[in-house]
Every structure is written in structure tokens, then in C-alpha cells.
N, C-alpha and C. Protein backbone atom coordinates (compact mmCIF):
# COMPACT_ATOMS: atom_id res chain seq x y z
N UNK A 1 0.74 -1.00 0.08
CA UNK A 1 0.10 0.01 -0.06
C UNK A 1 1.05 1.17 0.00
N UNK A 2 0.76 2.36 -1.08
CA UNK A 2 1.62 3.36 -1.12
C UNK A 2 1.32 4.12 0.22
N UNK A 3 2.75 4.94 0.73
CA UNK A 3 2.54 5.63 1.99
C UNK A 3 2.40 7.02 1.46
N UNK A 4 1.83 7.86 2.18
CA UNK A 4 1.72 9.31 1.91
C UNK A 4 2.99 9.79 2.31
N UNK A 5 3.24 11.00 1.92
CA UNK A 5 4.60 11.68 2.29
C UNK A 5 4.13 12.32 3.96
N UNK A 6 5.35 12.42 4.64
CA UNK A 6 4.82 13.02 6.05
C UNK A 6 4.50 14.47 5.84
N UNK A 7 3.48 14.81 6.87
CA UNK A 7 3.00 16.04 6.70
C UNK A 7 3.68 16.91 8.13
N UNK A 8 4.38 17.96 8.30
CA UNK A 8 4.67 18.16 9.50
C UNK A 8 4.47 19.89 10.03
N UNK A 9 3.37 20.38 8.74
CA UNK A 9 2.86 21.48 9.32
C UNK A 9 1.77 21.92 9.44
N UNK A 10 0.91 20.80 8.78
CA UNK A 10 -0.41 20.95 9.19
C UNK A 10 -1.42 19.69 9.35
N UNK A 11 -2.53 19.18 10.09
CA UNK A 11 -2.96 18.00 10.23
C UNK A 11 -3.35 17.62 9.06
N UNK A 12 -3.16 16.17 8.64
CA UNK A 12 -3.05 15.46 7.67
C UNK A 12 -4.53 15.51 6.78
N UNK A 13 -4.84 15.46 6.05
CA UNK A 13 -6.24 15.29 5.51
C UNK A 13 -6.58 13.74 5.58
N UNK A 14 -8.04 13.72 5.81
CA UNK A 14 -8.49 12.32 6.40
C UNK A 14 -9.41 11.89 5.12
N UNK A 15 -9.62 12.70 4.45
CA UNK A 15 -10.77 12.28 3.48
C UNK A 15 -10.63 11.74 2.04
N UNK A 16 -9.36 11.08 1.85
CA UNK A 16 -8.74 10.28 1.25
C UNK A 16 -9.33 9.00 1.25
N UNK A 17 -10.08 8.45 0.66
CA UNK A 17 -10.78 6.72 0.59
C UNK A 17 -10.22 6.30 -0.43
N UNK A 18 -10.07 4.79 -0.37
CA UNK A 18 -9.48 4.40 -1.42
C UNK A 18 -10.77 3.72 -2.01
N UNK A 19 -10.85 3.01 -2.96
CA UNK A 19 -11.97 2.15 -3.23
C UNK A 19 -11.92 0.73 -2.70
N UNK A 20 -10.56 0.35 -2.10
CA UNK A 20 -10.59 -0.76 -1.53
C UNK A 20 -11.06 -0.93 -0.26
N UNK A 21 -10.87 0.54 0.31
CA UNK A 21 -11.50 0.41 1.75
C UNK A 21 -12.97 0.24 1.67
N UNK A 22 -13.70 0.68 0.65
CA UNK A 22 -15.07 0.64 0.73
C UNK A 22 -15.63 -0.70 0.21
N UNK A 23 -14.70 -1.36 -0.64
CA UNK A 23 -15.01 -2.68 -1.08
C UNK A 23 -14.62 -3.39 -0.15
N UNK A 24 -13.77 -3.38 0.86
CA UNK A 24 -13.60 -4.42 2.14
C UNK A 24 -15.09 -4.31 3.04
N UNK A 25 -15.39 -3.04 3.29
CA UNK A 25 -16.25 -2.81 4.05
C UNK A 25 -17.51 -3.26 3.71
N UNK A 26 -17.94 -3.57 2.11
CA UNK A 26 -19.42 -4.24 1.56
C UNK A 26 -18.60 -5.68 1.54
N UNK A 27 -17.52 -6.10 1.82
CA UNK A 27 -17.21 -7.35 1.63
C UNK A 27 -17.47 -7.96 3.20
N UNK A 28 -17.44 -7.34 4.15
CA UNK A 28 -17.34 -7.74 5.23
C UNK A 28 -19.13 -7.88 5.78
N UNK A 29 -19.65 -6.76 5.31
CA UNK A 29 -21.07 -6.69 5.57
C UNK A 29 -21.76 -7.92 4.63
N UNK A 30 -21.51 -8.11 3.55
CA UNK A 30 -22.21 -9.57 2.79
C UNK A 30 -21.51 -10.71 3.43
N UNK A 31 -20.50 -10.82 4.03
CA UNK A 31 -20.13 -11.93 4.97
C UNK A 31 -21.21 -12.18 6.02
N UNK A 32 -21.35 -10.87 6.73
CA UNK A 32 -21.96 -11.02 8.04
C UNK A 32 -23.63 -11.33 7.60
N UNK A 33 -23.88 -10.81 6.89
CA UNK A 33 -25.35 -11.14 6.33
C UNK A 33 -25.55 -12.38 5.73
N UNK A 34 -24.48 -13.29 5.17
CA UNK A 34 -24.61 -14.48 4.52
C UNK A 34 -24.29 -15.71 5.89
N UNK A 35 -23.82 -15.24 6.58
CA UNK A 35 -23.73 -15.91 8.22
C UNK A 35 -24.76 -16.12 8.70
N UNK A 36 -25.41 -14.70 8.97
CA UNK A 36 -26.94 -14.73 9.66
C UNK A 36 -27.85 -15.44 9.24
N UNK A 37 -27.88 -15.23 7.22
CA UNK A 37 -28.69 -16.13 6.68
C UNK A 37 -28.81 -17.45 6.88
N UNK A 38 -27.46 -17.84 7.10
CA UNK A 38 -27.02 -19.34 6.97
C UNK A 38 -27.39 -19.99 8.10
N UNK A 39 -27.30 -19.06 9.49
CA UNK A 39 -27.45 -19.50 10.89
C UNK A 39 -29.02 -19.55 10.93
N UNK A 40 -30.04 -18.53 10.56
CA UNK A 40 -31.16 -18.89 10.36
C UNK A 40 -31.84 -20.08 9.86
N UNK A 41 -31.29 -20.30 8.76
CA UNK A 41 -31.65 -21.67 8.00
C UNK A 41 -31.47 -22.78 8.62
N UNK A 42 -30.19 -22.87 9.41
CA UNK A 42 -29.40 -24.23 9.90
C UNK A 42 -30.50 -24.49 11.37
N UNK A 43 -31.13 -23.24 11.91
CA UNK A 43 -32.23 -23.37 13.22
C UNK A 43 -33.46 -24.07 12.57
N UNK A 44 -33.73 -23.85 11.23
CA UNK A 44 -35.19 -24.33 10.88
C UNK A 44 -35.32 -25.62 11.14
N UNK A 45 -36.64 -26.21 11.37
CA UNK A 45 -36.61 -27.62 11.91
C UNK A 45 -36.76 -28.29 10.44
N UNK A 46 -35.59 -29.60 10.41
CA UNK A 46 -35.53 -30.21 9.01
C UNK A 46 -35.79 -31.64 9.58
N UNK A 47 -36.20 -32.71 8.69
CA UNK A 47 -36.51 -34.20 9.02
C UNK A 47 -34.95 -34.58 8.42
N UNK A 48 -34.75 -35.81 9.17
CA UNK A 48 -33.54 -36.56 8.57
C UNK A 48 -33.82 -38.00 8.80
N UNK A 49 -33.38 -38.80 7.85
CA UNK A 49 -33.56 -40.18 8.46
C UNK A 49 -32.39 -40.54 9.65
N UNK A 50 -33.42 -41.55 10.32
CA UNK A 50 -32.77 -41.74 11.78
C UNK A 50 -31.45 -42.46 11.50
N UNK A 51 -31.10 -43.29 10.57
CA UNK A 51 -29.57 -43.96 10.46
C UNK A 51 -28.43 -42.85 10.14
N UNK A 52 -28.76 -41.60 10.19
CA UNK A 52 -27.84 -40.62 9.85
C UNK A 52 -27.29 -40.40 10.88
N UNK A 53 -26.05 -39.89 11.02
CA UNK A 53 -25.36 -39.64 12.16
C UNK A 53 -25.39 -38.10 12.74
N UNK A 54 -25.63 -37.68 13.79
CA UNK A 54 -25.77 -36.34 14.39
C UNK A 54 -24.42 -35.77 13.93
N UNK A 55 -24.92 -34.22 13.63
CA UNK A 55 -23.81 -33.39 13.34
C UNK A 55 -22.56 -33.33 14.51
N UNK A 56 -21.32 -33.12 14.18
CA UNK A 56 -20.63 -32.68 15.47
C UNK A 56 -20.76 -31.74 15.95
N UNK A 57 -21.16 -32.02 17.42
CA UNK A 57 -21.43 -30.36 18.21
C UNK A 57 -20.36 -29.36 18.03
N UNK A 58 -18.94 -30.20 18.27
CA UNK A 58 -17.87 -29.19 18.13
C UNK A 58 -18.07 -28.00 16.77
N UNK A 59 -18.51 -28.43 15.57
CA UNK A 59 -18.32 -27.49 14.35
C UNK A 59 -19.77 -27.03 14.38
N UNK A 60 -20.54 -27.52 14.84
CA UNK A 60 -21.84 -26.78 14.88
C UNK A 60 -22.13 -25.69 15.85
N UNK A 61 -21.89 -25.77 17.19
CA UNK A 61 -22.12 -25.15 18.43
C UNK A 61 -20.84 -23.84 18.42
N UNK A 62 -19.81 -24.69 18.10
CA UNK A 62 -18.65 -23.73 18.32
C UNK A 62 -17.69 -23.67 17.13
N UNK A 63 -18.18 -22.91 15.99
CA UNK A 63 -17.61 -22.71 14.71
C UNK A 63 -16.19 -21.89 15.11
N UNK A 64 -16.22 -20.98 16.23
CA UNK A 64 -14.66 -20.51 16.32
C UNK A 64 -13.74 -21.26 16.60
N UNK A 65 -14.04 -22.73 17.18
CA UNK A 65 -12.61 -23.37 17.53
C UNK A 65 -12.22 -23.98 16.16
N UNK A 66 -12.69 -23.80 14.86
CA UNK A 66 -12.58 -24.84 13.82
C UNK A 66 -12.46 -23.90 12.82
N UNK A 67 -12.82 -22.77 12.59
CA UNK A 67 -12.56 -22.00 11.57
C UNK A 67 -11.32 -20.97 11.87
N UNK A 68 -10.34 -20.82 10.40
CA UNK A 68 -9.39 -20.64 10.60
C UNK A 68 -8.75 -19.43 10.08
N UNK A 69 -9.73 -18.66 9.79
CA UNK A 69 -9.42 -17.17 9.35
C UNK A 69 -10.37 -16.11 9.47
N UNK A 70 -9.81 -15.19 9.76
CA UNK A 70 -10.84 -14.21 10.36
C UNK A 70 -10.88 -12.74 9.86
N UNK A 71 -11.70 -12.07 9.31
CA UNK A 71 -11.56 -10.57 8.69
C UNK A 71 -12.51 -9.91 9.72
N UNK A 72 -11.81 -8.60 9.88
CA UNK A 72 -12.10 -7.40 10.96
C UNK A 72 -12.07 -6.31 10.37
N UNK A 73 -13.01 -5.23 10.83
CA UNK A 73 -13.06 -4.28 10.34
C UNK A 73 -13.52 -3.07 11.82
N UNK A 74 -12.75 -2.04 11.81
CA UNK A 74 -13.57 -0.83 12.98
C UNK A 74 -15.08 -0.36 12.91
N UNK A 75 -15.62 -0.43 13.99
CA UNK A 75 -16.72 0.62 14.19
C UNK A 75 -16.66 1.69 14.93
N UNK A 76 -15.89 1.69 15.64
CA UNK A 76 -16.25 2.65 16.62
C UNK A 76 -14.63 2.89 17.39
N UNK A 77 -14.47 4.11 17.58
CA UNK A 77 -13.01 4.86 18.44
C UNK A 77 -13.48 5.72 19.55
N UNK A 78 -12.80 5.47 20.28
CA UNK A 78 -12.37 6.59 21.38
C UNK A 78 -11.26 6.63 22.02
N UNK A 79 -10.70 8.17 21.96
CA UNK A 79 -9.79 8.36 22.73
C UNK A 79 -9.96 8.86 23.95
N UNK A 80 -8.85 8.56 25.10
CA UNK A 80 -9.06 8.55 26.29
C UNK A 80 -8.84 10.62 26.63
N UNK A 81 -7.85 11.00 25.70
CA UNK A 81 -7.87 12.60 26.29
C UNK A 81 -8.11 13.12 24.81
N UNK A 82 -8.41 14.47 24.77
CA UNK A 82 -8.82 15.09 23.45
C UNK A 82 -7.71 15.83 22.96
N UNK A 83 -7.54 15.79 21.53
CA UNK A 83 -6.51 16.28 20.92
C UNK A 83 -7.30 16.77 19.68
N UNK A 84 -7.04 18.06 19.18
CA UNK A 84 -7.76 18.21 17.91
C UNK A 84 -7.49 17.58 16.86
N UNK A 85 -6.06 16.88 16.69
CA UNK A 85 -5.63 16.30 15.86
C UNK A 85 -6.34 14.87 15.89
N UNK A 86 -6.96 14.21 16.63
CA UNK A 86 -7.30 13.08 16.72
C UNK A 86 -8.31 12.86 15.59
N UNK A 87 -8.25 11.28 15.36
CA UNK A 87 -9.34 11.15 13.94
C UNK A 87 -9.70 9.67 14.89
N UNK A 88 -11.28 9.53 14.71
CA UNK A 88 -12.01 8.55 15.20
C UNK A 88 -12.60 7.72 14.28
N UNK A 89 -12.01 7.71 13.24
CA UNK A 89 -12.30 6.80 12.26
C UNK A 89 -11.08 6.23 11.65
N UNK A 90 -11.07 4.90 12.15
CA UNK A 90 -9.67 4.40 11.68
C UNK A 90 -9.37 3.53 10.28
N UNK A 91 -10.87 3.17 9.95
CA UNK A 91 -10.97 2.28 8.37
C UNK A 91 -10.03 0.93 8.47
N UNK A 92 -10.24 0.33 9.60
CA UNK A 92 -9.15 -0.87 9.95
C UNK A 92 -9.49 -1.92 8.82
N UNK A 93 -8.76 -2.57 8.39
CA UNK A 93 -8.83 -3.86 7.40
C UNK A 93 -7.91 -4.72 8.04
N UNK A 94 -8.34 -5.65 8.62
CA UNK A 94 -7.24 -6.66 9.47
C UNK A 94 -7.86 -8.17 8.99
N UNK A 95 -6.70 -9.19 8.96
CA UNK A 95 -6.94 -10.26 8.40
C UNK A 95 -6.21 -11.30 9.18
N UNK A 96 -6.61 -12.54 10.00
CA UNK A 96 -6.08 -13.08 10.64
C UNK A 96 -6.24 -14.55 10.51
N UNK A 97 -4.94 -15.39 10.86
CA UNK A 97 -5.02 -16.78 10.22
C UNK A 97 -4.84 -17.48 11.68
N UNK A 98 -5.81 -18.07 12.27
CA UNK A 98 -5.61 -19.08 13.60
C UNK A 98 -4.77 -20.09 13.23
N UNK A 99 -3.75 -19.99 13.71
CA UNK A 99 -2.68 -21.31 13.79
C UNK A 99 -3.37 -22.69 14.04
N UNK A 100 -3.75 -22.39 15.48
CA UNK A 100 -4.33 -23.15 16.66
C UNK A 100 -5.48 -22.35 17.17
N UNK A 101 -6.10 -23.15 18.17
CA UNK A 101 -7.12 -22.48 18.94
C UNK A 101 -6.53 -21.25 19.61
N UNK A 102 -5.02 -21.36 20.11
CA UNK A 102 -4.96 -20.21 20.80
C UNK A 102 -3.90 -19.36 20.36
N UNK A 103 -3.02 -19.93 19.09
CA UNK A 103 -1.83 -19.28 18.49
C UNK A 103 -2.66 -18.45 17.28
N UNK A 104 -2.12 -17.40 16.70
CA UNK A 104 -2.60 -16.81 15.54
C UNK A 104 -1.37 -15.83 14.75
N UNK A 105 -1.77 -15.48 13.61
CA UNK A 105 -0.88 -14.21 12.97
C UNK A 105 -1.65 -13.63 12.06
N UNK A 106 -1.45 -12.42 12.06
CA UNK A 106 -2.55 -11.32 11.21
C UNK A 106 -1.59 -10.23 10.95
N UNK A 107 -2.16 -9.33 10.09
CA UNK A 107 -1.59 -8.09 9.69
C UNK A 107 -3.12 -7.31 9.27
N UNK A 108 -2.83 -5.89 9.54
CA UNK A 108 -4.02 -5.13 9.24
C UNK A 108 -3.14 -3.84 8.86
N UNK A 109 -4.25 -3.34 8.20
CA UNK A 109 -3.91 -1.66 7.30
C UNK A 109 -4.91 -0.75 8.22
N UNK A 110 -4.56 0.40 8.77
CA UNK A 110 -5.36 1.53 8.97
C UNK A 110 -5.00 2.94 9.27
N UNK A 111 -6.23 3.74 9.58
CA UNK A 111 -5.30 4.76 9.79
C UNK A 111 -5.46 5.17 11.16
N UNK A 112 -3.94 5.79 11.44
CA UNK A 112 -3.89 6.09 13.14
C UNK A 112 -4.49 7.10 13.68
N UNK A 113 -4.25 7.25 14.56
CA UNK A 113 -4.91 8.32 15.75
C UNK A 113 -4.64 9.77 14.87
N UNK A 114 -3.76 9.95 13.87
CA UNK A 114 -3.64 11.43 13.30
C UNK A 114 -4.08 11.11 11.87
N UNK A 115 -4.60 10.17 11.19
CA UNK A 115 -5.26 10.18 10.30
C UNK A 115 -4.01 9.59 9.10
N UNK A 116 -2.83 8.87 9.34
CA UNK A 116 -2.10 8.58 8.51
C UNK A 116 -2.10 6.94 8.24
N UNK A 117 -2.01 6.76 6.85
CA UNK A 117 -2.14 5.43 6.68
C UNK A 117 -1.03 4.64 7.16
N UNK A 118 -1.26 3.43 8.16
CA UNK A 118 -0.54 2.49 8.79
C UNK A 118 -0.65 1.37 8.48
N UNK A 119 0.26 0.32 9.17
CA UNK A 119 0.58 -0.98 9.18
C UNK A 119 0.74 -1.64 10.51
N UNK A 120 0.29 -2.74 10.46
CA UNK A 120 0.50 -3.76 11.71
C UNK A 120 0.88 -5.16 11.42
N UNK A 121 1.87 -5.75 11.72
CA UNK A 121 2.06 -7.40 11.66
C UNK A 121 2.53 -7.84 12.49
N UNK A 122 1.88 -9.16 13.40
CA UNK A 122 1.98 -9.50 14.63
C UNK A 122 1.78 -10.87 14.59
N UNK A 123 1.97 -11.45 15.67
CA UNK A 123 1.58 -12.85 16.31
C UNK A 123 0.80 -12.43 17.77
N UNK A 124 0.07 -13.50 17.88
CA UNK A 124 -0.77 -13.52 19.11
C UNK A 124 -1.23 -14.77 19.92
N UNK A 125 -1.79 -14.65 21.10
CA UNK A 125 -2.23 -15.71 21.64
C UNK A 125 -3.10 -15.41 22.05
N UNK A 126 -4.55 -16.48 22.09
CA UNK A 126 -5.96 -16.37 22.28
C UNK A 126 -6.30 -17.34 23.76
N UNK A 127 -6.78 -16.87 24.62
CA UNK A 127 -7.19 -17.61 25.89
C UNK A 127 -8.57 -17.45 26.14
N UNK A 128 -9.27 -18.35 26.47
CA UNK A 128 -10.99 -18.43 26.97
C UNK A 128 -10.95 -18.67 28.49
N UNK A 129 -11.00 -17.69 29.36
CA UNK A 129 -10.79 -17.83 30.84
C UNK A 129 -12.00 -18.63 31.36
N UNK A 130 -13.39 -18.77 31.10
CA UNK A 130 -14.48 -19.00 31.53
C UNK A 130 -14.78 -20.40 30.62
N UNK A 131 -14.76 -21.26 31.38
CA UNK A 131 -15.31 -22.60 31.06
C UNK A 131 -16.74 -22.41 30.80
N UNK A 132 -17.55 -21.69 31.55
CA UNK A 132 -19.09 -21.57 31.35
C UNK A 132 -19.47 -20.38 29.96
N UNK A 133 -18.54 -20.05 29.80
CA UNK A 133 -18.59 -18.81 28.61
C UNK A 133 -17.86 -18.90 27.36
N UNK A 134 -17.81 -20.13 26.57
CA UNK A 134 -16.61 -20.17 25.70
C UNK A 134 -16.37 -18.98 24.31
N UNK A 135 -17.79 -18.54 24.12
CA UNK A 135 -17.37 -17.73 23.18
C UNK A 135 -16.59 -16.34 23.53
N UNK A 136 -16.54 -16.09 24.76
CA UNK A 136 -15.79 -15.08 25.33
C UNK A 136 -14.20 -15.30 25.34
N UNK A 137 -13.25 -14.32 24.79
CA UNK A 137 -12.18 -14.76 24.95
C UNK A 137 -11.16 -13.36 25.37
N UNK A 138 -9.86 -13.61 25.69
CA UNK A 138 -8.69 -12.26 25.65
C UNK A 138 -7.86 -12.86 24.85
N UNK A 139 -7.48 -11.63 24.43
CA UNK A 139 -6.15 -12.04 23.05
C UNK A 139 -5.18 -11.06 23.79
N UNK A 140 -3.93 -11.18 23.34
CA UNK A 140 -2.89 -10.28 23.18
C UNK A 140 -1.89 -10.54 21.69
N UNK A 141 -1.91 -9.42 21.09
CA UNK A 141 -1.09 -9.49 20.39
C UNK A 141 -0.02 -8.79 20.20
N UNK A 142 1.30 -9.22 19.56
CA UNK A 142 2.70 -8.18 19.56
C UNK A 142 3.22 -8.24 18.05
N UNK A 143 3.74 -6.99 17.60
CA UNK A 143 4.18 -7.22 16.48
C UNK A 143 4.73 -5.70 16.23
N UNK A 144 5.02 -5.38 15.06
CA UNK A 144 5.40 -4.25 14.64
C UNK A 144 4.68 -3.00 13.80
N UNK A 145 4.62 -1.81 13.70
CA UNK A 145 3.49 -1.00 13.20
C UNK A 145 4.65 0.15 12.66
N UNK A 146 3.93 0.59 11.46
CA UNK A 146 4.54 1.34 10.81
C UNK A 146 3.32 2.45 10.29
N UNK A 147 4.01 3.76 10.21
CA UNK A 147 2.91 4.78 9.66
C UNK A 147 2.80 6.25 10.63
N UNK A 148 3.44 6.23 11.70
CA UNK A 148 3.53 7.57 12.63
C UNK A 148 4.89 8.05 12.09
N UNK A 149 4.46 9.25 11.18
CA UNK A 149 5.46 10.10 10.39
C UNK A 149 5.24 11.68 10.69
N UNK A 150 6.47 12.16 10.62
CA UNK A 150 6.55 13.63 10.50
C UNK A 150 6.15 13.94 12.05
N UNK A 151 5.35 15.37 12.30
CA UNK A 151 5.22 15.85 13.74
C UNK A 151 4.56 14.67 14.62
N UNK A 152 4.24 13.63 14.17
CA UNK A 152 3.61 12.89 14.77
C UNK A 152 4.20 11.42 14.99
N UNK A 153 5.67 11.45 14.63
CA UNK A 153 6.55 10.44 14.72
C UNK A 153 6.82 10.04 16.24
N UNK A 154 6.68 11.09 17.19
CA UNK A 154 6.90 10.66 18.55
C UNK A 154 5.69 10.20 19.34
N UNK A 155 4.58 10.24 18.80
CA UNK A 155 3.22 9.63 19.55
C UNK A 155 3.45 8.49 19.92
N UNK A 156 4.32 7.51 19.47
CA UNK A 156 4.30 6.20 19.71
C UNK A 156 5.38 5.80 20.22
N UNK A 157 5.73 5.39 21.22
CA UNK A 157 7.50 5.04 21.57
C UNK A 157 8.38 4.13 20.71
N UNK A 158 9.20 4.38 20.87
CA UNK A 158 10.41 3.42 20.42
C UNK A 158 10.22 3.59 18.78
N UNK A 159 10.08 4.77 18.12
CA UNK A 159 9.36 4.94 16.81
C UNK A 159 10.80 5.45 16.03
N UNK A 160 11.83 5.29 16.56
CA UNK A 160 13.01 6.13 15.80
C UNK A 160 13.34 5.88 14.36
N UNK A 161 12.97 4.51 14.33
CA UNK A 161 13.61 4.23 12.79
C UNK A 161 12.17 4.13 12.01
N UNK A 162 11.07 4.53 12.57
CA UNK A 162 9.94 4.77 11.93
C UNK A 162 8.84 3.43 11.80
N UNK A 163 9.49 2.28 12.59
CA UNK A 163 8.64 1.33 12.66
C UNK A 163 8.97 0.73 14.25
N UNK A 164 8.04 0.71 15.12
CA UNK A 164 7.92 0.81 16.57
C UNK A 164 7.23 -0.96 16.65
N UNK A 165 7.82 -1.41 17.95
CA UNK A 165 7.36 -2.75 18.46
C UNK A 165 5.89 -2.06 19.26
N UNK A 166 4.98 -2.68 19.47
CA UNK A 166 4.01 -2.53 20.11
C UNK A 166 3.05 -4.04 20.36
N UNK A 167 2.43 -3.68 21.79
CA UNK A 167 1.66 -4.92 22.04
C UNK A 167 0.25 -4.50 22.25
N UNK A 168 -1.07 -5.37 21.74
CA UNK A 168 -1.87 -4.69 21.89
C UNK A 168 -2.95 -5.83 22.36
N UNK A 169 -3.88 -5.41 23.75
CA UNK A 169 -4.46 -6.42 24.49
C UNK A 169 -5.71 -6.03 24.07
N UNK A 170 -6.76 -7.10 23.82
CA UNK A 170 -8.29 -7.13 23.42
C UNK A 170 -8.93 -8.16 24.38
N UNK A 171 -10.36 -8.12 24.31
CA UNK A 171 -10.99 -8.86 24.61
C UNK A 171 -12.23 -9.05 23.40
N UNK A 172 -13.07 -10.14 23.08
CA UNK A 172 -13.98 -10.39 22.57
C UNK A 172 -14.96 -11.63 22.82
N UNK A 173 -16.08 -11.36 21.90
CA UNK A 173 -17.11 -12.28 21.94
C UNK A 173 -17.43 -12.76 20.68
N UNK A 174 -18.09 -14.04 20.47
CA UNK A 174 -18.52 -14.76 19.38
C UNK A 174 -19.84 -15.12 19.51
N UNK A 175 -20.93 -14.81 18.41
CA UNK A 175 -22.26 -15.49 18.28
C UNK A 175 -21.73 -16.24 16.59
N UNK A 176 -22.01 -17.64 16.91
CA UNK A 176 -21.79 -18.28 15.36
C UNK A 176 -20.46 -18.03 15.07
N UNK A 177 -20.49 -17.56 13.62
CA UNK A 177 -19.27 -16.81 13.07
C UNK A 177 -18.90 -15.39 13.10
N UNK A 178 -19.96 -14.62 13.98
CA UNK A 178 -19.64 -13.14 13.93
C UNK A 178 -18.90 -13.06 15.35
N UNK A 179 -17.69 -12.19 15.13
CA UNK A 179 -17.40 -11.56 16.33
C UNK A 179 -17.24 -10.06 16.64
N UNK A 180 -17.05 -9.55 17.85
CA UNK A 180 -16.73 -8.04 17.76
C UNK A 180 -15.80 -8.36 19.23
N UNK A 181 -14.74 -6.97 19.11
CA UNK A 181 -13.74 -7.06 20.11
C UNK A 181 -13.49 -5.84 20.33
N UNK A 182 -12.92 -5.54 21.99
CA UNK A 182 -12.84 -4.24 22.29
C UNK A 182 -11.39 -4.33 22.25
N UNK A 183 -10.63 -3.25 21.65
CA UNK A 183 -9.18 -3.35 21.43
C UNK A 183 -8.41 -2.11 22.06
N UNK A 184 -7.80 -2.29 23.02
CA UNK A 184 -7.13 -0.84 23.57
C UNK A 184 -5.50 -0.71 22.87
N UNK A 185 -5.60 0.47 22.17
CA UNK A 185 -4.40 0.51 21.73
C UNK A 185 -3.42 1.65 22.81
N UNK A 186 -2.27 1.28 23.41
CA UNK A 186 -1.77 1.52 24.50
C UNK A 186 -2.46 2.24 25.59
N UNK A 187 -2.16 3.50 25.91
CA UNK A 187 -3.12 4.51 26.76
C UNK A 187 -3.59 5.43 26.24
N UNK A 188 -3.68 5.37 24.46
CA UNK A 188 -4.66 6.59 23.99
C UNK A 188 -5.80 6.19 24.08
N UNK A 189 -6.33 5.08 23.84
CA UNK A 189 -7.69 4.84 23.57
C UNK A 189 -8.26 3.48 23.22
N UNK A 190 -9.73 3.16 22.56
CA UNK A 190 -9.89 2.05 22.55
C UNK A 190 -10.85 1.97 21.29
N UNK A 191 -10.93 0.94 20.66
CA UNK A 191 -11.84 0.95 19.35
C UNK A 191 -12.52 -0.60 19.56
N UNK A 192 -13.66 -0.53 18.89
CA UNK A 192 -14.60 -1.53 18.87
C UNK A 192 -14.72 -1.96 17.39
N UNK A 193 -14.59 -3.30 17.05
CA UNK A 193 -14.38 -4.09 16.10
C UNK A 193 -15.60 -5.18 15.92
N UNK A 194 -15.95 -5.18 14.52
CA UNK A 194 -16.86 -6.23 14.13
C UNK A 194 -15.91 -7.13 13.25
N UNK A 195 -16.44 -8.68 13.19
CA UNK A 195 -16.09 -9.17 12.09
C UNK A 195 -16.24 -10.55 12.12
N UNK A 196 -15.91 -11.41 10.64
CA UNK A 196 -16.65 -12.55 10.38
C UNK A 196 -15.47 -13.55 10.42
N UNK A 197 -15.68 -15.05 11.18
CA UNK A 197 -14.79 -16.27 10.87
C UNK A 197 -15.05 -16.91 9.49
N UNK A 198 -14.06 -17.09 8.85
CA UNK A 198 -14.29 -17.87 7.61
C UNK A 198 -13.92 -19.15 7.76
N UNK A 199 -14.34 -20.43 7.37
CA UNK A 199 -14.09 -21.73 7.44
C UNK A 199 -12.94 -21.91 6.50
């Protein structure tokens, strides 16, 4: 994804939307509608011959334990402190690969808190702490982020080279294949995401 030049004298413009961002939002919306429709049909009563084995409860009741890929976008952002330069629309596009139930890798593109196009590549660990509420999980990812430039270069620690190490904690909940996460980005704020698991 091409990088915009650093702007050091004025707040960067945020109105630049690429067709890719709009297409991804439509793709996530279509995937969510598909999952909801499929779920509705799956719950309708159906007759089956008695000699057919019952479906595996793991894959039907807990699709989040078997699905390998996750697509996510941001729907809400809140910064803990006011700054006139802050942008509350991150336009997040995230893809994750669940290597196992606990371990994952992923990458995302987004607009940072100052409207600059940024990227994040990471590995992560997921845990489901409550046996009685298995759809709930906590997740910690760690990786490298790029995109804080110009007058905002020092807004993220250890960004001397333009690439900074970060740790991102989050908590999520799934209903069938649709998930939402509350993601903390440092001490600056949090965002709420919406995503879909893909078999």
C-alpha cells in the first residue's frame, strides 16, 4: 500500500478513501449477512433419516474453534484524552489466521490516531478464561507497526526508525461466526471491531 509523504506543518487530510476500503466494508457486510442467513436456515426444523449420524457439536455449536481465518473492521473509536488532531475513524482492515485455537498471526492496515495510513503485522495468543462462557476470549498480540510520521513520529514509543514494536490487548465475544472485539491501543484509547470467521 503506498505511503503518503509526511506532513509536518498541518493536520493531515483524512478524506482520502481508497476504493479498496469501501470494497472491504461491503465484503465484510455481505459475509455477515451470509452468516446470519445461513444460521437462520440451519436453525429451521428439518427431518432426516434416523440412521444418519448427528452432526459434530464442536463444528456446529462452536465454529470459532474450527474456523481458520478471521476478517475484521473497526466500527467505533474513543480516545481517552482530547486532541484536535485525533481522528476517530480508523478504517481498519484486518486479516487473521488461526494457526491453532490459541496461536494466531495477522496483519492490518488502518488510519492511525492522526489520520496517517499505517500497518501492523503481528503474532498473538488467545485464551478462553471461562469454561461456562466459551464464546468469550482475551487476546494479546505483539508485532511491529509503521505509519507514524512527521510531527506525529514521537506519538508512539520506540519509533525512531519509523517502525515501532507494540503490544495490543483485546477481549472479544463470538455469536456463531460473527465476533466483536474491544481493543486497547496503548494508553491512548480503544476501538470496537466487528468481524466474521471464515471456514
